[in-house]
PDB file of N, CA and C in Angstrom:
ATOM      1  N   SER A   1      43.290  51.081 101.690  1.00  0.00           N
ATOM      2  CA  SER A   1      43.909  51.179 102.718  1.00  0.00           C
ATOM      3  C   SER A   1      45.413  51.613 102.277  1.00  0.00           C
ATOM      4  N   HIS A   2      45.747  51.907 101.216  1.00  0.00           N
ATOM      5  CA  HIS A   2      46.977  52.689 101.640  1.00  0.00           C
ATOM      6  C   HIS A   2      47.124  54.059 100.734  1.00  0.00           C
ATOM      7  N   SER A   3      45.995  54.611 100.966  1.00  0.00           N
ATOM      8  CA  SER A   3      45.966  55.904 101.319  1.00  0.00           C
ATOM      9  C   SER A   3      46.780  56.770 101.992  1.00  0.00           C
ATOM     10  N   ARG A   4      47.099  57.806 101.937  1.00  0.00           N
ATOM     11  CA  ARG A   4      47.390  59.008 102.338  1.00  0.00           C
ATOM     12  C   ARG A   4      46.734  59.574 103.878  1.00  0.00           C
ATOM     13  N   ILE A   5      45.644  59.866 103.132  1.00  0.00           N
ATOM     14  CA  ILE A   5      44.437  60.265 103.381  1.00  0.00           C
ATOM     15  C   ILE A   5      43.994  60.134 104.754  1.00  0.00           C
ATOM     16  N   PRO A   6      44.157  60.481 105.910  1.00  0.00           N
ATOM     17  CA  PRO A   6      43.291  59.468 107.678  1.00  0.00           C
ATOM     18  C   PRO A   6      41.668  59.963 107.314  1.00  0.00           C
ATOM     19  N   ALA A   7      40.781  60.192 106.228  1.00  0.00           N
ATOM     20  CA  ALA A   7      39.458  59.889 106.277  1.00  0.00           C
ATOM     21  C   ALA A   7      39.529  58.644 105.705  1.00  0.00           C
ATOM     22  N   PHE A   8      40.476  58.552 104.396  1.00  0.00           N
ATOM     23  CA  PHE A   8      39.549  56.993 103.950  1.00  0.00           C
ATOM     24  C   PHE A   8      40.385  56.113 104.527  1.00  0.00           C
ATOM     25  N   LYS A   9      41.783  56.028 105.208  1.00  0.00           N
ATOM     26  CA  LYS A   9      41.829  54.987 106.450  1.00  0.00           C
ATOM     27  C   LYS A   9      41.123  54.509 107.342  1.00  0.00           C
ATOM     28  N   GLU A  10      40.522  55.168 108.172  1.00  0.00           N
ATOM     29  CA  GLU A  10      39.347  55.141 108.986  1.00  0.00           C
ATOM     30  C   GLU A  10      38.134  54.652 108.197  1.00  0.00           C
ATOM     31  N   LEU A  11      37.877  55.198 107.181  1.00  0.00           N
ATOM     32  CA  LEU A  11      36.474  54.441 106.351  1.00  0.00           C
ATOM     33  C   LEU A  11      37.138  52.838 105.928  1.00  0.00           C
ATOM     34  N   TYR A  12      37.656  52.849 105.867  1.00  0.00           N
ATOM     35  CA  TYR A  12      38.615  51.517 105.310  1.00  0.00           C
ATOM     36  C   TYR A  12      38.201  50.165 106.713  1.00  0.00           C
ATOM     37  N   LYS A  13      39.041  51.205 107.590  1.00  0.00           N
ATOM     38  CA  LYS A  13      38.644  50.462 108.979  1.00  0.00           C
ATOM     39  C   LYS A  13      37.246  50.160 109.157  1.00  0.00           C
ATOM     40  N   LYS A  14      36.588  50.671 108.833  1.00  0.00           N
ATOM     41  CA  LYS A  14      34.898  50.376 109.593  1.00  0.00           C
ATOM     42  C   LYS A  14      34.640  49.423 108.206  1.00  0.00           C
ATOM     43  N   ILE A  15      34.647  49.648 107.564  1.00  0.00           N
ATOM     44  CA  ILE A  15      34.579  48.859 106.516  1.00  0.00           C
ATOM     45  C   ILE A  15      34.693  47.323 106.472  1.00  0.00           C
ATOM     46  N   LYS A  16      35.964  47.307 106.829  1.00  0.00           N
ATOM     47  CA  LYS A  16      36.731  46.001 107.061  1.00  0.00           C
ATOM     48  C   LYS A  16      36.379  45.464 108.288  1.00  0.00           C
ATOM     49  N   ARG A  17      35.774  46.575 109.507  1.00  0.00           N
ATOM     50  CA  ARG A  17      35.003  46.233 111.216  1.00  0.00           C
ATOM     51  C   ARG A  17      33.670  45.243 110.346  1.00  0.00           C
ATOM     52  N   HIS A  18      32.599  46.358 109.571  1.00  0.00           N
ATOM     53  CA  HIS A  18      31.509  45.491 109.843  1.00  0.00           C
ATOM     54  C   HIS A  18      31.420  44.608 107.912  1.00  0.00           C
ATOM     55  N   LYS A  19      32.010  44.493 107.180  1.00  0.00           N
ATOM     56  CA  LYS A  19      32.367  43.612 106.247  1.00  0.00           C
ATOM     57  C   LYS A  19      31.141  42.623 106.367  1.00  0.00           C
ATOM     58  N   ASP A  20      30.988  42.210 106.969  1.00  0.00           N
ATOM     59  CA  ASP A  20      30.046  40.862 107.084  1.00  0.00           C
ATOM     60  C   ASP A  20      28.316  41.442 107.267  1.00  0.00           C
ATOM     61  N   HIS A  21      28.260  42.198 108.302  1.00  0.00           N
ATOM     62  CA  HIS A  21      26.758  43.433 108.238  1.00  0.00           C
ATOM     63  C   HIS A  21      26.591  43.575 106.661  1.00  0.00           C
ATOM     64  N   ILE A  22      27.421  44.206 106.213  1.00  0.00           N
ATOM     65  CA  ILE A  22      27.322  44.875 105.168  1.00  0.00           C
ATOM     66  C   ILE A  22      26.636  44.287 103.879  1.00  0.00           C
ATOM     67  N   LEU A  23      27.543  43.157 103.989  1.00  0.00           N
ATOM     68  CA  LEU A  23      26.914  41.888 102.967  1.00  0.00           C
ATOM     69  C   LEU A  23      25.678  41.468 103.025  1.00  0.00           C
ATOM     70  N   ASN A  24      25.511  41.015 104.374  1.00  0.00           N
ATOM     71  CA  ASN A  24      24.243  40.287 105.134  1.00  0.00           C
ATOM     72  C   ASN A  24      22.811  41.359 103.954  1.00  0.00           C
ATOM     73  N   THR A  25      23.415  42.573 104.720  1.00  0.00           N
ATOM     74  CA  THR A  25      22.234  43.882 104.089  1.00  0.00           C
ATOM     75  C   THR A  25      22.016  43.854 102.851  1.00  0.00           C
ATOM     76  N   ILE A  26      23.199  44.186 101.698  1.00  0.00           N
ATOM     77  CA  ILE A  26      22.914  43.448 100.588  1.00  0.00           C
ATOM     78  C   ILE A  26      22.364  42.507  99.844  1.00  0.00           C
ATOM     79  N   ARG A  27      22.769  41.052 100.408  1.00  0.00           N
ATOM     80  CA  ARG A  27      22.066  39.654  99.820  1.00  0.00           C
ATOM     81  C   ARG A  27      20.628  39.572 100.504  1.00  0.00           C
ATOM     82  N   LEU A  28      20.625  40.219 101.360  1.00  0.00           N
ATOM     83  CA  LEU A  28      19.064  39.925 102.404  1.00  0.00           C
ATOM     84  C   LEU A  28      17.901  41.054 101.581  1.00  0.00           C
ATOM     85  N   GLY A  29      18.237  42.382 101.631  1.00  0.00           N
ATOM     86  CA  GLY A  29      17.554  43.454 101.369  1.00  0.00           C
ATOM     87  C   GLY A  29      16.983  44.192 101.973  1.00  0.00           C
ATOM     88  N   MET A  30      17.688  44.159 103.019  1.00  0.00           N
ATOM     89  CA  MET A  30      16.905  44.714 104.131  1.00  0.00           C
ATOM     90  C   MET A  30      17.661  45.672 105.123  1.00  0.00           C
ATOM     91  N   SER A  31      16.830  46.557 105.688  1.00  0.00           N
ATOM     92  CA  SER A  31      17.295  47.916 106.271  1.00  0.00           C
ATOM     93  C   SER A  31      16.747  47.952 107.403  1.00  0.00           C
ATOM     94  N   ASN A  32      17.104  48.907 108.617  1.00  0.00           N
ATOM     95  CA  ASN A  32      16.119  49.203 109.463  1.00  0.00           C
ATOM     96  C   ASN A  32      15.124  50.360 109.575  1.00  0.00           C
ATOM     97  N   ALA A  33      14.832  50.831 107.886  1.00  0.00           N
ATOM     98  CA  ALA A  33      13.769  51.885 107.761  1.00  0.00           C
ATOM     99  C   ALA A  33      12.626  51.461 108.482  1.00  0.00           C
ATOM    100  N   ARG A  34      12.194  50.314 108.477  1.00  0.00           N
ATOM    101  CA  ARG A  34      10.904  49.679 109.134  1.00  0.00           C
ATOM    102  C   ARG A  34      11.556  50.227 110.490  1.00  0.00           C
ATOM    103  N   ILE A  35      11.980  49.282 111.426  1.00  0.00           N
ATOM    104  CA  ILE A  35      12.354  50.428 112.716  1.00  0.00           C
ATOM    105  C   ILE A  35      12.082  51.323 113.143  1.00  0.00           C
ATOM    106  N   GLU A  36      13.056  52.176 112.069  1.00  0.00           N
ATOM    107  CA  GLU A  36      12.742  53.877 112.637  1.00  0.00           C
ATOM    108  C   GLU A  36      11.915  54.116 112.271  1.00  0.00           C
ATOM    109  N   ALA A  37      10.718  54.010 111.311  1.00  0.00           N
ATOM    110  CA  ALA A  37       9.382  54.497 111.256  1.00  0.00           C
ATOM    111  C   ALA A  37       8.609  54.215 112.416  1.00  0.00           C
ATOM    112  N   THR A  38       8.604  52.748 112.853  1.00  0.00           N
ATOM    113  CA  THR A  38       8.087  52.266 114.094  1.00  0.00           C
ATOM    114  C   THR A  38       8.529  53.390 115.145  1.00  0.00           C
ATOM    115  N   ASN A  39       9.532  53.709 115.463  1.00  0.00           N
ATOM    116  CA  ASN A  39       9.868  54.171 116.682  1.00  0.00           C
ATOM    117  C   ASN A  39       9.441  55.632 116.581  1.00  0.00           C
ATOM    118  N   ASN A  40      10.118  56.150 115.609  1.00  0.00           N
ATOM    119  CA  ASN A  40       9.156  57.407 115.194  1.00  0.00           C
ATOM    120  C   ASN A  40       8.088  57.671 115.475  1.00  0.00           C
ATOM    121  N   LYS A  41       7.171  56.733 115.078  1.00  0.00           N
ATOM    122  CA  LYS A  41       5.525  56.600 115.553  1.00  0.00           C
ATOM    123  C   LYS A  41       4.888  56.691 116.802  1.00  0.00           C
ATOM    124  N   ILE A  42       6.309  55.834 117.447  1.00  0.00           N
ATOM    125  CA  ILE A  42       5.793  55.903 119.144  1.00  0.00           C
ATOM    126  C   ILE A  42       6.494  56.914 120.037  1.00  0.00           C
ATOM    127  N   LYS A  43       7.211  57.492 119.616  1.00  0.00           N
ATOM    128  CA  LYS A  43       7.636  59.098 119.595  1.00  0.00           C
ATOM    129  C   LYS A  43       6.720  59.897 119.613  1.00  0.00           C
ATOM    130  N   LEU A  44       5.827  59.962 118.915  1.00  0.00           N
ATOM    131  CA  LEU A  44       5.181  60.736 118.288  1.00  0.00           C
ATOM    132  C   LEU A  44       3.863  60.745 119.261  1.00  0.00           C
ATOM    133  N   ILE A  45       3.365  59.331 119.773  1.00  0.00           N
ATOM    134  CA  ILE A  45       2.271  59.206 120.083  1.00  0.00           C
ATOM    135  C   ILE A  45       2.504  59.353 121.856  1.00  0.00           C
ATOM    136  N   ILE A  46       3.825  59.410 122.200  1.00  0.00           N
ATOM    137  CA  ILE A  46       4.031  59.866 123.301  1.00  0.00           C
ATOM    138  C   ILE A  46       4.026  61.031 123.335  1.00  0.00           C
ATOM    139  N   ARG A  47       4.509  61.998 122.703  1.00  0.00           N
ATOM    140  CA  ARG A  47       4.317  63.775 122.769  1.00  0.00           C
ATOM    141  C   ARG A  47       3.013  63.604 122.446  1.00  0.00           C
ATOM    142  N   LYS A  48       2.601  63.310 121.887  1.00  0.00           N
ATOM    143  CA  LYS A  48       0.738  63.447 122.217  1.00  0.00           C
ATOM    144  C   LYS A  48      -0.250  62.969 123.336  1.00  0.00           C
ATOM    145  N   ALA A  49       0.667  61.959 124.226  1.00  0.00           N
ATOM    146  CA  ALA A  49       0.302  61.292 124.987  1.00  0.00           C
ATOM    147  C   ALA A  49       0.593  62.060 126.331  1.00  0.00           C
ATOM    148  N   TYR A  50       1.037  63.153 126.320  1.00  0.00           N
ATOM    149  CA  TYR A  50       1.404  64.130 127.182  1.00  0.00           C
ATOM    150  C   TYR A  50       0.034  63.631 128.669  1.00  0.00           C
ATOM    151  N   GLY A  51      -1.138  64.511 128.011  1.00  0.00           N
ATOM    152  CA  GLY A  51      -1.798  64.385 129.604  1.00  0.00           C
ATOM    153  C   GLY A  51      -2.748  63.611 130.038  1.00  0.00           C
ATOM    154  N   PHE A  52      -2.164  62.297 129.081  1.00  0.00           N
ATOM    155  CA  PHE A  52      -2.835  61.027 129.917  1.00  0.00           C
ATOM    156  C   PHE A  52      -2.466  60.669 131.088  1.00  0.00           C
ATOM    157  N   ARG A  53      -3.668  60.453 131.966  1.00  0.00           N
ATOM    158  CA  ARG A  53      -3.342  60.268 133.300  1.00  0.00           C
ATOM    159  C   ARG A  53      -2.847  59.027 133.957  1.00  0.00           C
ATOM    160  N   ASN A  54      -2.592  58.202 133.221  1.00  0.00           N
ATOM    161  CA  ASN A  54      -1.598  57.054 133.621  1.00  0.00           C
ATOM    162  C   ASN A  54      -0.823  56.442 132.303  1.00  0.00           C
ATOM    163  N   ILE A  55       0.171  55.521 132.321  1.00  0.00           N
ATOM    164  CA  ILE A  55       0.797  55.250 131.386  1.00  0.00           C
ATOM    165  C   ILE A  55      -0.157  53.639 130.989  1.00  0.00           C
ATOM    166  N   GLN A  56      -0.784  53.130 131.279  1.00  0.00           N
ATOM    167  CA  GLN A  56      -0.961  52.694 130.876  1.00  0.00           C
ATOM    168  C   GLN A  56      -2.044  52.448 129.487  1.00  0.00           C
ATOM    169  N   ASN A  57      -2.615  53.953 129.421  1.00  0.00           N
ATOM    170  CA  ASN A  57      -3.269  53.952 128.743  1.00  0.00           C
ATOM    171  C   ASN A  57      -2.352  54.753 127.403  1.00  0.00           C
ATOM    172  N   MET A  58      -1.407  55.398 127.352  1.00  0.00           N
ATOM    173  CA  MET A  58       0.182  55.592 126.273  1.00  0.00           C
ATOM    174  C   MET A  58       0.397  54.438 125.512  1.00  0.00           C
ATOM    175  N   LEU A  59       0.364  53.135 126.848  1.00  0.00           N
ATOM    176  CA  LEU A  59       0.438  52.238 126.078  1.00  0.00           C
ATOM    177  C   LEU A  59      -0.324  51.428 125.092  1.00  0.00           C
ATOM    178  N   ASP A  60      -1.372  51.599 125.411  1.00  0.00           N
ATOM    179  CA  ASP A  60      -2.637  51.085 124.799  1.00  0.00           C
ATOM    180  C   ASP A  60      -2.414  51.624 123.546  1.00  0.00           C
ATOM    181  N   MET A  61      -2.412  52.885 123.116  1.00  0.00           N
ATOM    182  CA  MET A  61      -2.755  53.598 122.366  1.00  0.00           C
ATOM    183  C   MET A  61      -1.400  53.319 121.365  1.00  0.00           C
ATOM    184  N   VAL A  62      -0.076  53.032 121.819  1.00  0.00           N
ATOM    185  CA  VAL A  62       1.130  52.416 120.964  1.00  0.00           C
ATOM    186  C   VAL A  62       0.855  51.136 120.372  1.00  0.00           C
ATOM    187  N   TYR A  63       0.079  50.065 120.975  1.00  0.00           N
ATOM    188  CA  TYR A  63      -0.549  49.260 120.136  1.00  0.00           C
ATOM    189  C   TYR A  63      -1.559  49.456 119.383  1.00  0.00           C
ATOM    190  N   LEU A  64      -2.274  50.042 119.461  1.00  0.00           N
ATOM    191  CA  LEU A  64      -3.386  50.518 118.463  1.00  0.00           C
ATOM    192  C   LEU A  64      -2.740  50.910 117.178  1.00  0.00           C
ATOM    193  N   VAL A  65      -2.096  52.003 117.724  1.00  0.00           N
ATOM    194  CA  VAL A  65      -1.375  52.750 116.445  1.00  0.00           C
ATOM    195  C   VAL A  65      -0.291  52.046 115.488  1.00  0.00           C
ATOM    196  N   CYS A  66       0.223  50.859 116.301  1.00  0.00           N
ATOM    197  CA  CYS A  66       1.605  50.140 115.823  1.00  0.00           C
ATOM    198  C   CYS A  66       0.876  49.004 115.388  1.00  0.00           C
ATOM    199  N   SER A  67      -0.416  48.135 115.508  1.00  0.00           N
ATOM    200  CA  SER A  67      -0.617  47.261 114.846  1.00  0.00           C
ATOM    201  C   SER A  67      -1.615  47.415 113.626  1.00  0.00           C
ATOM    202  N   ASN A  68      -1.860  46.588 112.956  1.00  0.00           N
ATOM    203  CA  ASN A  68      -3.094  46.465 111.805  1.00  0.00           C
ATOM    204  C   ASN A  68      -4.351  46.382 112.270  1.00  0.00           C
ATOM    205  N   LEU A  69      -4.847  46.912 113.650  1.00  0.00           N
ATOM    206  CA  LEU A  69      -6.171  46.515 114.175  1.00  0.00           C
ATOM    207  C   LEU A  69      -6.940  47.684 113.792  1.00  0.00           C
ATOM    208  N   ARG A  70      -8.112  47.163 113.052  1.00  0.00           N
ATOM    209  CA  ARG A  70      -8.804  48.559 112.942  1.00  0.00           C
ATOM    210  C   ARG A  70     -10.268  48.716 113.503  1.00  0.00           C
ATOM    211  N   VAL A  71     -10.279  49.752 113.850  1.00  0.00           N
ATOM    212  CA  VAL A  71     -11.479  50.197 114.936  1.00  0.00           C
ATOM    213  C   VAL A  71     -12.169  50.464 113.947  1.00  0.00           C
ATOM    214  N   PRO A  72     -13.925  49.700 113.979  1.00  0.00           N
ATOM    215  CA  PRO A  72     -15.165  49.879 113.527  1.00  0.00           C
ATOM    216  C   PRO A  72     -15.542  51.337 114.166  1.00  0.00           C
ATOM    217  N   LEU A  73     -15.710  52.180 113.112  1.00  0.00           N
ATOM    218  CA  LEU A  73     -16.409  53.610 114.276  1.00  0.00           C
ATOM    219  C   LEU A  73     -17.619  53.618 113.543  1.00  0.00           C
ATOM    220  N   PRO A  74     -18.663  54.174 114.523  1.00  0.00           N
ATOM    221  CA  PRO A  74     -19.701  54.395 114.346  1.00  0.00           C
ATOM    222  C   PRO A  74     -20.478  55.251 113.052  1.00  0.00           C
ATOM    223  N   ASN A  75     -21.541  54.564 112.224  1.00  0.00           N
ATOM    224  CA  ASN A  75     -21.474  55.131 110.668  1.00  0.00           C
ATOM    225  C   ASN A  75     -20.938  55.504 110.223  1.00  0.00           C
ATOM    226  N   ARG A  76     -20.087  54.152 109.757  1.00  0.00           N
ATOM    227  CA  ARG A  76     -18.677  54.158 108.595  1.00  0.00           C
ATOM    228  C   ARG A  76     -18.782  52.810 108.292  1.00  0.00           C
ATOM    229  N   ARG A  77     -18.482  52.716 107.055  1.00  0.00           N
ATOM    230  CA  ARG A  77     -18.312  51.211 106.755  1.00  0.00           C
ATOM    231  C   ARG A  77     -16.304  50.997 106.775  1.00  0.00           C
ATOM    232  N   LEU A  78     -16.062  49.725 106.750  1.00  0.00           N
ATOM    233  CA  LEU A  78     -14.765  49.237 106.555  1.00  0.00           C
ATOM    234  C   LEU A  78     -14.193  49.037 105.516  1.00  0.00           C
ATOM    235  N   LYS A  79     -13.153  49.927 105.185  1.00  0.00           N
ATOM    236  CA  LYS A  79     -13.076  49.240 103.652  1.00  0.00           C
ATOM    237  C   LYS A  79     -11.787  48.474 103.637  1.00  0.00           C
ATOM    238  N   THR A  80     -12.080  47.359 102.539  1.00  0.00           N
ATOM    239  CA  THR A  80     -11.600  46.193 102.640  1.00  0.00           C
ATOM    240  C   THR A  80     -10.573  46.548 101.461  1.00  0.00           C
ATOM    241  N   ALA A  81      -9.490  45.817 101.645  1.00  0.00           N
ATOM    242  CA  ALA A  81      -7.821  45.928 100.764  1.00  0.00           C
ATOM    243  C   ALA A  81      -8.437  44.956  99.150  1.00  0.00           C
TER     244      ALA A  81
END
């Protein structure tokens, strides 16, 4: 906070403003990585779904990919964990 470098002063202000959030992240060990990964999956599905005839087909694909639902395919065995 006592630095003469403007970038450090700005960094100090940001850290001070978000102090509670930073400490909660460290304490709980959580991040937004899982949310970002899911968001990326959805964006890829939307790109693949460009030719779908209606929006419901695209939404069904998002639900299928983002859930833990496993659809059994013919002539294939389901892997057990």
